[in-house]
């Protein structure tokens, strides 16, 4: 007897089922030692421990992907900057705005 996987789960249902997870899990983790795929928890590669919260770089990547930055006036997908100098992390206000879009 062969096993067949059913139809893929619609994104709207998947989101509801994963509602307890941090929304930053929707993007891959850019942390140099993690690289968790979308919808997977961040891990510590040395010991394989699963983290309760995403890496800060993953939260920044998520906020950059979905929110405009009120601090430096960038649009979604564009990195934050300080007077033209690129930042490695997004501004805190951008993360706050990203969280507010979920409510």
Protein backbone atom coordinates (compact mmCIF):
# COMPACT_ATOMS: atom_id res chain seq x y z
CA UNK A 1 0.00 0.00 0.00
CA UNK A 2 1.45 3.40 -0.96
CA UNK A 3 1.10 6.50 1.17
CA UNK A 4 -0.02 9.66 -0.54
CA UNK A 5 0.35 13.05 0.97
CA UNK A 6 -2.80 15.11 0.76
CA UNK A 7 -3.12 18.54 -0.76
CA UNK A 8 -0.79 21.21 0.60
CA UNK A 9 -2.15 23.15 3.54
CA UNK A 10 -3.36 26.66 2.61
CA UNK A 11 -1.20 29.44 4.06
CA UNK A 12 -4.18 30.92 5.94
CA UNK A 13 -4.76 27.67 7.86
CA UNK A 14 -1.04 27.11 8.42
CA UNK A 15 -0.79 30.60 9.95
CA UNK A 16 -3.63 29.88 12.39
CA UNK A 17 -2.09 26.58 13.47
CA UNK A 18 1.27 28.24 14.05
CA UNK A 19 -0.21 31.28 15.79
CA UNK A 20 1.80 30.62 18.94
CA UNK A 21 5.07 30.81 17.01
CA UNK A 22 6.88 34.11 16.55
CA UNK A 23 5.97 35.65 13.19
CA UNK A 24 9.67 36.01 12.31
CA UNK A 25 9.72 32.25 11.76
CA UNK A 26 8.06 32.94 8.40
CA UNK A 27 11.47 33.93 6.95
CA UNK A 28 14.73 31.95 6.88
CA UNK A 29 17.20 32.73 9.65
CA UNK A 30 20.26 34.64 8.40
CA UNK A 31 22.25 33.98 11.60
CA UNK A 32 25.67 32.67 10.59
CA UNK A 33 25.41 29.47 12.66
CA UNK A 34 21.69 28.73 12.38
CA UNK A 35 20.20 29.10 8.89
CA UNK A 36 16.85 27.64 9.97
CA UNK A 37 14.38 27.33 7.11
CA UNK A 38 11.07 29.22 7.12
CA UNK A 39 8.61 27.95 9.76
CA UNK A 40 11.34 26.12 11.69
CA UNK A 41 12.73 27.17 15.06
CA UNK A 42 16.17 28.68 15.37
CA UNK A 43 18.78 26.34 16.81
CA UNK A 44 22.22 26.36 18.38
CA UNK A 45 24.32 24.37 15.90
CA UNK A 46 26.92 23.35 18.51
CA UNK A 47 24.51 21.31 20.60
CA UNK A 48 21.33 21.21 18.47
CA UNK A 49 19.27 22.98 21.13
CA UNK A 50 16.07 24.62 19.84
CA UNK A 51 15.65 28.25 20.88
CA UNK A 52 12.40 29.59 22.32
CA UNK A 53 12.75 32.87 20.40
CA UNK A 54 14.20 33.61 16.97
CA UNK A 55 17.67 35.10 16.63
CA UNK A 56 17.63 38.94 16.58
CA UNK A 57 18.95 38.87 12.99
CA UNK A 58 15.92 36.79 11.97
CA UNK A 59 13.54 39.25 13.60
CA UNK A 60 15.31 42.05 11.71
CA UNK A 61 15.03 40.16 8.42
CA UNK A 62 11.31 39.58 9.02
CA UNK A 63 10.66 43.24 9.87
CA UNK A 64 12.65 44.35 6.83
CA UNK A 65 10.61 42.06 4.60
CA UNK A 66 7.16 43.23 5.70
CA UNK A 67 7.33 46.74 7.18
CA UNK A 68 8.31 50.26 6.21
CA UNK A 69 10.76 51.95 8.56
CA UNK A 70 9.42 55.14 10.14
CA UNK A 71 12.95 56.02 11.29
CA UNK A 72 14.77 56.09 7.93
CA UNK A 73 11.76 56.04 5.56
CA UNK A 74 12.64 52.80 3.73
CA UNK A 75 10.07 50.53 2.14
CA UNK A 76 9.65 46.78 2.73
CA UNK A 77 12.61 44.81 1.45
CA UNK A 78 15.05 47.73 1.70
CA UNK A 79 17.59 47.65 4.57
CA UNK A 80 17.59 50.39 7.20
CA UNK A 81 20.33 53.01 7.18
CA UNK A 82 21.70 55.85 9.28
CA UNK A 83 22.13 58.86 6.98
CA UNK A 84 23.08 56.59 4.08
CA UNK A 85 25.25 54.18 6.10
CA UNK A 86 23.68 50.68 5.96
CA UNK A 87 22.76 49.05 9.27
CA UNK A 88 23.18 45.36 10.08
CA UNK A 89 19.95 45.38 12.11
CA UNK A 90 16.73 47.29 11.45
CA UNK A 91 15.56 50.15 13.64
CA UNK A 92 13.53 49.16 16.71
CA UNK A 93 10.57 51.20 15.43
CA UNK A 94 10.46 49.07 12.29
CA UNK A 95 10.16 45.90 14.36
CA UNK A 96 7.42 47.55 16.40
CA UNK A 97 5.54 48.52 13.21
CA UNK A 98 5.90 44.97 11.85
CA UNK A 99 4.33 43.59 15.03
CA UNK A 100 1.49 46.11 14.82
CA UNK A 101 0.62 45.01 11.28
CA UNK A 102 -0.21 41.56 12.69
CA UNK A 103 -2.79 42.89 15.13
